[in-house]
PDB file of N, CA and C in Angstrom:
ATOM      1  N   UNK A   1       0.842  -1.129   0.028  1.00  0.00           N
ATOM      2  CA  UNK A   1       0.043  -0.087   0.002  1.00  0.00           C
ATOM      3  C   UNK A   1       0.890   1.211  -0.155  1.00  0.00           C
ATOM      4  N   UNK A   2       0.664   2.240  -0.687  1.00  0.00           N
ATOM      5  CA  UNK A   2       1.305   3.417  -0.849  1.00  0.00           C
ATOM      6  C   UNK A   2       1.334   4.230   0.280  1.00  0.00           C
ATOM      7  N   UNK A   3       2.050   5.475   0.380  1.00  0.00           N
ATOM      8  CA  UNK A   3       2.035   6.175   1.350  1.00  0.00           C
ATOM      9  C   UNK A   3       0.858   7.241   1.153  1.00  0.00           C
ATOM     10  N   UNK A   4       0.425   7.701   2.231  1.00  0.00           N
ATOM     11  CA  UNK A   4      -0.653   8.636   2.252  1.00  0.00           C
ATOM     12  C   UNK A   4      -0.114  10.003   1.731  1.00  0.00           C
ATOM     13  N   UNK A   5      -0.853  10.421   0.865  1.00  0.00           N
ATOM     14  CA  UNK A   5      -0.551  11.982   0.435  1.00  0.00           C
ATOM     15  C   UNK A   5      -0.789  12.826   1.493  1.00  0.00           C
ATOM     16  N   UNK A   6      -0.048  13.729   1.732  1.00  0.00           N
ATOM     17  CA  UNK A   6      -0.349  14.623   2.563  1.00  0.00           C
ATOM     18  C   UNK A   6      -0.202  16.035   1.797  1.00  0.00           C
ATOM     19  N   UNK A   7      -1.134  17.135   2.235  1.00  0.00           N
ATOM     20  CA  UNK A   7      -1.422  18.141   1.563  1.00  0.00           C
ATOM     21  C   UNK A   7      -1.119  19.380   2.490  1.00  0.00           C
ATOM     22  N   UNK A   8      -0.381  20.291   2.417  1.00  0.00           N
ATOM     23  CA  UNK A   8      -0.237  21.538   3.337  1.00  0.00           C
ATOM     24  C   UNK A   8      -1.346  22.549   2.713  1.00  0.00           C
ATOM     25  N   UNK A   9      -2.227  22.734   3.430  1.00  0.00           N
ATOM     26  CA  UNK A   9      -3.506  23.684   3.236  1.00  0.00           C
ATOM     27  C   UNK A   9      -2.753  25.187   3.334  1.00  0.00           C
ATOM     28  N   UNK A  10      -3.171  26.254   2.567  1.00  0.00           N
ATOM     29  CA  UNK A  10      -2.461  27.463   2.550  1.00  0.00           C
ATOM     30  C   UNK A  10      -3.875  28.380   3.076  1.00  0.00           C
ATOM     31  N   UNK A  11      -5.038  27.776   2.818  1.00  0.00           N
ATOM     32  CA  UNK A  11      -5.921  28.489   3.313  1.00  0.00           C
ATOM     33  C   UNK A  11      -6.831  27.750   4.392  1.00  0.00           C
ATOM     34  N   UNK A  12      -7.559  28.238   5.349  1.00  0.00           N
ATOM     35  CA  UNK A  12      -8.311  27.540   6.328  1.00  0.00           C
ATOM     36  C   UNK A  12      -9.510  26.898   5.779  1.00  0.00           C
ATOM     37  N   UNK A  13      -9.848  25.807   6.677  1.00  0.00           N
ATOM     38  CA  UNK A  13     -11.188  25.323   6.139  1.00  0.00           C
ATOM     39  C   UNK A  13     -12.365  26.287   5.925  1.00  0.00           C
ATOM     40  N   UNK A  14     -12.556  27.068   6.618  1.00  0.00           N
ATOM     41  CA  UNK A  14     -13.478  28.074   6.511  1.00  0.00           C
ATOM     42  C   UNK A  14     -13.658  28.706   5.211  1.00  0.00           C
ATOM     43  N   UNK A  15     -12.269  29.190   4.909  1.00  0.00           N
ATOM     44  CA  UNK A  15     -12.304  29.813   3.546  1.00  0.00           C
ATOM     45  C   UNK A  15     -12.483  28.989   2.576  1.00  0.00           C
ATOM     46  N   UNK A  16     -11.974  27.799   2.571  1.00  0.00           N
ATOM     47  CA  UNK A  16     -12.355  26.830   1.397  1.00  0.00           C
ATOM     48  C   UNK A  16     -13.667  26.506   1.349  1.00  0.00           C
ATOM     49  N   UNK A  17     -14.342  26.355   2.494  1.00  0.00           N
ATOM     50  CA  UNK A  17     -15.849  25.961   2.565  1.00  0.00           C
ATOM     51  C   UNK A  17     -16.560  27.202   1.885  1.00  0.00           C
ATOM     52  N   UNK A  18     -16.277  28.408   2.288  1.00  0.00           N
ATOM     53  CA  UNK A  18     -16.949  29.605   1.849  1.00  0.00           C
ATOM     54  C   UNK A  18     -16.951  29.755   0.240  1.00  0.00           C
ATOM     55  N   UNK A  19     -15.818  29.453  -0.281  1.00  0.00           N
ATOM     56  CA  UNK A  19     -15.300  29.334  -1.546  1.00  0.00           C
ATOM     57  C   UNK A  19     -16.242  28.164  -2.262  1.00  0.00           C
ATOM     58  N   UNK A  20     -16.211  27.260  -1.841  1.00  0.00           N
ATOM     59  CA  UNK A  20     -17.082  26.034  -2.383  1.00  0.00           C
ATOM     60  C   UNK A  20     -18.628  26.511  -2.432  1.00  0.00           C
ATOM     61  N   UNK A  21     -19.120  27.001  -1.310  1.00  0.00           N
ATOM     62  CA  UNK A  21     -20.437  27.515  -1.250  1.00  0.00           C
ATOM     63  C   UNK A  21     -20.789  28.477  -2.447  1.00  0.00           C
ATOM     64  N   UNK A  22     -19.760  29.483  -2.653  1.00  0.00           N
ATOM     65  CA  UNK A  22     -20.133  30.472  -3.644  1.00  0.00           C
ATOM     66  C   UNK A  22     -19.865  29.716  -4.797  1.00  0.00           C
ATOM     67  N   UNK A  23     -19.052  28.800  -5.328  1.00  0.00           N
ATOM     68  CA  UNK A  23     -19.064  28.360  -6.675  1.00  0.00           C
ATOM     69  C   UNK A  23     -20.399  27.524  -6.859  1.00  0.00           C
ATOM     70  N   UNK A  24     -20.605  26.678  -5.721  1.00  0.00           N
ATOM     71  CA  UNK A  24     -22.194  25.953  -5.915  1.00  0.00           C
ATOM     72  C   UNK A  24     -23.233  26.842  -6.133  1.00  0.00           C
ATOM     73  N   UNK A  25     -23.140  27.843  -5.538  1.00  0.00           N
ATOM     74  CA  UNK A  25     -24.551  28.809  -5.539  1.00  0.00           C
ATOM     75  C   UNK A  25     -24.521  29.391  -7.070  1.00  0.00           C
ATOM     76  N   UNK A  26     -23.187  29.886  -7.546  1.00  0.00           N
ATOM     77  CA  UNK A  26     -23.532  30.465  -9.047  1.00  0.00           C
ATOM     78  C   UNK A  26     -23.714  29.165  -9.948  1.00  0.00           C
ATOM     79  N   UNK A  27     -23.460  27.818  -9.666  1.00  0.00           N
ATOM     80  CA  UNK A  27     -23.720  26.796 -10.534  1.00  0.00           C
ATOM     81  C   UNK A  27     -25.393  26.634 -10.433  1.00  0.00           C
ATOM     82  N   UNK A  28     -25.843  26.489  -9.316  1.00  0.00           N
ATOM     83  CA  UNK A  28     -27.124  26.443  -9.022  1.00  0.00           C
ATOM     84  C   UNK A  28     -28.014  27.695  -9.722  1.00  0.00           C
ATOM     85  N   UNK A  29     -27.608  28.944  -9.446  1.00  0.00           N
ATOM     86  CA  UNK A  29     -28.391  30.124 -10.166  1.00  0.00           C
ATOM     87  C   UNK A  29     -28.246  29.937 -11.762  1.00  0.00           C
ATOM     88  N   UNK A  30     -27.577  28.960 -12.247  1.00  0.00           N
ATOM     89  CA  UNK A  30     -27.750  28.941 -13.848  1.00  0.00           C
ATOM     90  C   UNK A  30     -28.507  27.752 -14.318  1.00  0.00           C
ATOM     91  N   UNK A  31     -28.801  26.975 -13.377  1.00  0.00           N
ATOM     92  CA  UNK A  31     -29.858  25.970 -13.754  1.00  0.00           C
ATOM     93  C   UNK A  31     -31.592  26.096 -13.409  1.00  0.00           C
ATOM     94  N   UNK A  32     -32.254  25.691 -14.200  1.00  0.00           N
ATOM     95  CA  UNK A  32     -33.746  25.792 -14.160  1.00  0.00           C
ATOM     96  C   UNK A  32     -34.144  25.322 -12.892  1.00  0.00           C
ATOM     97  N   UNK A  33     -35.308  25.526 -12.497  1.00  0.00           N
ATOM     98  CA  UNK A  33     -36.024  24.976 -11.072  1.00  0.00           C
ATOM     99  C   UNK A  33     -36.030  23.547 -11.353  1.00  0.00           C
ATOM    100  N   UNK A  34     -35.584  22.665 -10.322  1.00  0.00           N
ATOM    101  CA  UNK A  34     -35.760  21.094 -10.572  1.00  0.00           C
ATOM    102  C   UNK A  34     -34.862  20.486  -9.407  1.00  0.00           C
ATOM    103  N   UNK A  35     -34.851  19.289  -9.494  1.00  0.00           N
ATOM    104  CA  UNK A  35     -34.306  18.484  -8.540  1.00  0.00           C
ATOM    105  C   UNK A  35     -32.368  18.702  -8.573  1.00  0.00           C
ATOM    106  N   UNK A  36     -32.019  18.805  -9.657  1.00  0.00           N
ATOM    107  CA  UNK A  36     -30.547  18.970  -9.830  1.00  0.00           C
ATOM    108  C   UNK A  36     -30.300  20.107  -9.207  1.00  0.00           C
ATOM    109  N   UNK A  37     -31.133  21.570  -9.350  1.00  0.00           N
ATOM    110  CA  UNK A  37     -30.766  22.600  -8.519  1.00  0.00           C
ATOM    111  C   UNK A  37     -30.863  22.435  -7.077  1.00  0.00           C
ATOM    112  N   UNK A  38     -31.931  22.022  -6.671  1.00  0.00           N
ATOM    113  CA  UNK A  38     -32.417  21.957  -5.354  1.00  0.00           C
ATOM    114  C   UNK A  38     -31.031  21.100  -4.576  1.00  0.00           C
ATOM    115  N   UNK A  39     -30.352  19.927  -5.346  1.00  0.00           N
ATOM    116  CA  UNK A  39     -29.386  19.066  -4.775  1.00  0.00           C
ATOM    117  C   UNK A  39     -28.373  20.276  -4.640  1.00  0.00           C
ATOM    118  N   UNK A  40     -27.938  21.068  -5.393  1.00  0.00           N
ATOM    119  CA  UNK A  40     -26.809  22.081  -5.335  1.00  0.00           C
ATOM    120  C   UNK A  40     -27.010  23.023  -4.203  1.00  0.00           C
ATOM    121  N   UNK A  41     -28.344  23.449  -4.236  1.00  0.00           N
ATOM    122  CA  UNK A  41     -28.594  24.594  -2.943  1.00  0.00           C
ATOM    123  C   UNK A  41     -28.404  24.009  -1.575  1.00  0.00           C
ATOM    124  N   UNK A  42     -28.632  22.427  -1.665  1.00  0.00           N
ATOM    125  CA  UNK A  42     -28.600  21.852  -0.266  1.00  0.00           C
ATOM    126  C   UNK A  42     -27.003  21.640  -0.164  1.00  0.00           C
ATOM    127  N   UNK A  43     -26.040  21.436  -0.919  1.00  0.00           N
ATOM    128  CA  UNK A  43     -24.897  21.456  -0.690  1.00  0.00           C
ATOM    129  C   UNK A  43     -24.089  22.786  -0.384  1.00  0.00           C
ATOM    130  N   UNK A  44     -24.904  23.816  -0.916  1.00  0.00           N
ATOM    131  CA  UNK A  44     -24.493  25.359  -0.550  1.00  0.00           C
ATOM    132  C   UNK A  44     -24.803  25.545   0.893  1.00  0.00           C
ATOM    133  N   UNK A  45     -25.924  25.224   1.248  1.00  0.00           N
ATOM    134  CA  UNK A  45     -26.221  25.502   2.666  1.00  0.00           C
ATOM    135  C   UNK A  45     -25.317  24.643   3.604  1.00  0.00           C
ATOM    136  N   UNK A  46     -24.680  23.141   3.258  1.00  0.00           N
ATOM    137  CA  UNK A  46     -23.922  22.524   4.051  1.00  0.00           C
ATOM    138  C   UNK A  46     -22.580  23.109   3.962  1.00  0.00           C
ATOM    139  N   UNK A  47     -21.905  23.759   2.905  1.00  0.00           N
ATOM    140  CA  UNK A  47     -20.843  24.381   2.824  1.00  0.00           C
ATOM    141  C   UNK A  47     -20.906  25.829   3.755  1.00  0.00           C
ATOM    142  N   UNK A  48     -21.906  26.323   3.758  1.00  0.00           N
ATOM    143  CA  UNK A  48     -22.054  27.702   4.325  1.00  0.00           C
ATOM    144  C   UNK A  48     -21.892  27.311   5.803  1.00  0.00           C
ATOM    145  N   UNK A  49     -22.682  26.275   6.274  1.00  0.00           N
ATOM    146  CA  UNK A  49     -22.626  25.934   7.741  1.00  0.00           C
ATOM    147  C   UNK A  49     -21.158  25.591   8.029  1.00  0.00           C
ATOM    148  N   UNK A  50     -20.486  24.945   7.247  1.00  0.00           N
ATOM    149  CA  UNK A  50     -18.957  24.320   7.415  1.00  0.00           C
ATOM    150  C   UNK A  50     -18.193  25.745   7.624  1.00  0.00           C
ATOM    151  N   UNK A  51     -18.508  26.543   6.906  1.00  0.00           N
ATOM    152  CA  UNK A  51     -17.792  27.718   6.904  1.00  0.00           C
ATOM    153  C   UNK A  51     -17.895  28.595   8.102  1.00  0.00           C
ATOM    154  N   UNK A  52     -19.030  28.490   8.766  1.00  0.00           N
ATOM    155  CA  UNK A  52     -19.246  29.277   9.928  1.00  0.00           C
ATOM    156  C   UNK A  52     -19.149  28.346  11.408  1.00  0.00           C
ATOM    157  N   UNK A  53     -18.962  27.137  11.337  1.00  0.00           N
ATOM    158  CA  UNK A  53     -18.976  26.250  12.548  1.00  0.00           C
ATOM    159  C   UNK A  53     -17.747  26.793  13.247  1.00  0.00           C
ATOM    160  N   UNK A  54     -16.749  26.942  13.261  1.00  0.00           N
ATOM    161  CA  UNK A  54     -15.620  27.436  13.982  1.00  0.00           C
ATOM    162  C   UNK A  54     -15.954  28.785  14.730  1.00  0.00           C
ATOM    163  N   UNK A  55     -16.588  29.590  14.324  1.00  0.00           N
ATOM    164  CA  UNK A  55     -17.309  30.857  14.829  1.00  0.00           C
ATOM    165  C   UNK A  55     -18.298  30.335  15.705  1.00  0.00           C
ATOM    166  N   UNK A  56     -18.988  29.563  15.613  1.00  0.00           N
ATOM    167  CA  UNK A  56     -20.362  28.949  16.478  1.00  0.00           C
ATOM    168  C   UNK A  56     -19.426  28.409  17.662  1.00  0.00           C
ATOM    169  N   UNK A  57     -18.511  27.508  17.454  1.00  0.00           N
ATOM    170  CA  UNK A  57     -17.802  26.717  18.562  1.00  0.00           C
ATOM    171  C   UNK A  57     -17.208  27.732  19.601  1.00  0.00           C
ATOM    172  N   UNK A  58     -16.606  28.840  18.851  1.00  0.00           N
ATOM    173  CA  UNK A  58     -16.009  29.917  19.690  1.00  0.00           C
ATOM    174  C   UNK A  58     -16.968  30.724  20.605  1.00  0.00           C
ATOM    175  N   UNK A  59     -18.118  30.871  20.143  1.00  0.00           N
ATOM    176  CA  UNK A  59     -19.000  31.830  20.484  1.00  0.00           C
ATOM    177  C   UNK A  59     -19.172  31.595  22.028  1.00  0.00           C
ATOM    178  N   UNK A  60     -19.245  32.818  22.650  1.00  0.00           N
ATOM    179  CA  UNK A  60     -19.412  32.680  24.273  1.00  0.00           C
ATOM    180  C   UNK A  60     -20.934  32.159  24.748  1.00  0.00           C
ATOM    181  N   UNK A  61     -21.840  32.077  23.804  1.00  0.00           N
ATOM    182  CA  UNK A  61     -22.824  31.186  24.347  1.00  0.00           C
ATOM    183  C   UNK A  61     -22.577  29.732  24.549  1.00  0.00           C
ATOM    184  N   UNK A  62     -21.697  29.436  24.056  1.00  0.00           N
ATOM    185  CA  UNK A  62     -21.382  27.741  24.230  1.00  0.00           C
ATOM    186  C   UNK A  62     -20.230  27.826  25.509  1.00  0.00           C
ATOM    187  N   UNK A  63     -20.589  27.160  26.631  1.00  0.00           N
ATOM    188  CA  UNK A  63     -19.938  27.180  27.617  1.00  0.00           C
ATOM    189  C   UNK A  63     -19.779  25.607  28.337  1.00  0.00           C
ATOM    190  N   UNK A  64     -18.619  25.352  28.780  1.00  0.00           N
ATOM    191  CA  UNK A  64     -18.355  23.895  29.180  1.00  0.00           C
ATOM    192  C   UNK A  64     -19.450  23.643  30.293  1.00  0.00           C
ATOM    193  N   UNK A  65     -20.024  22.466  30.538  1.00  0.00           N
ATOM    194  CA  UNK A  65     -20.555  22.152  31.698  1.00  0.00           C
ATOM    195  C   UNK A  65     -19.673  22.388  32.943  1.00  0.00           C
ATOM    196  N   UNK A  66     -20.487  22.801  34.022  1.00  0.00           N
ATOM    197  CA  UNK A  66     -20.116  23.075  35.250  1.00  0.00           C
ATOM    198  C   UNK A  66     -20.512  21.788  36.300  1.00  0.00           C
TER     199      UNK A  66
END
């Protein structure tokens, strides 16, 4: 079995997810209403959530149990 390929990321996960969300949104906007467009819009929502997850985890509203 070969060695695992390692990639040094130059951008944060949040940046990459936001970029992916924007790209998918552009693709979805070009499609007519239908299942394919809805599937892309679902992926957009998932990518947008991924782009903001670190902010949510660091928010002061989340406190460890006492």
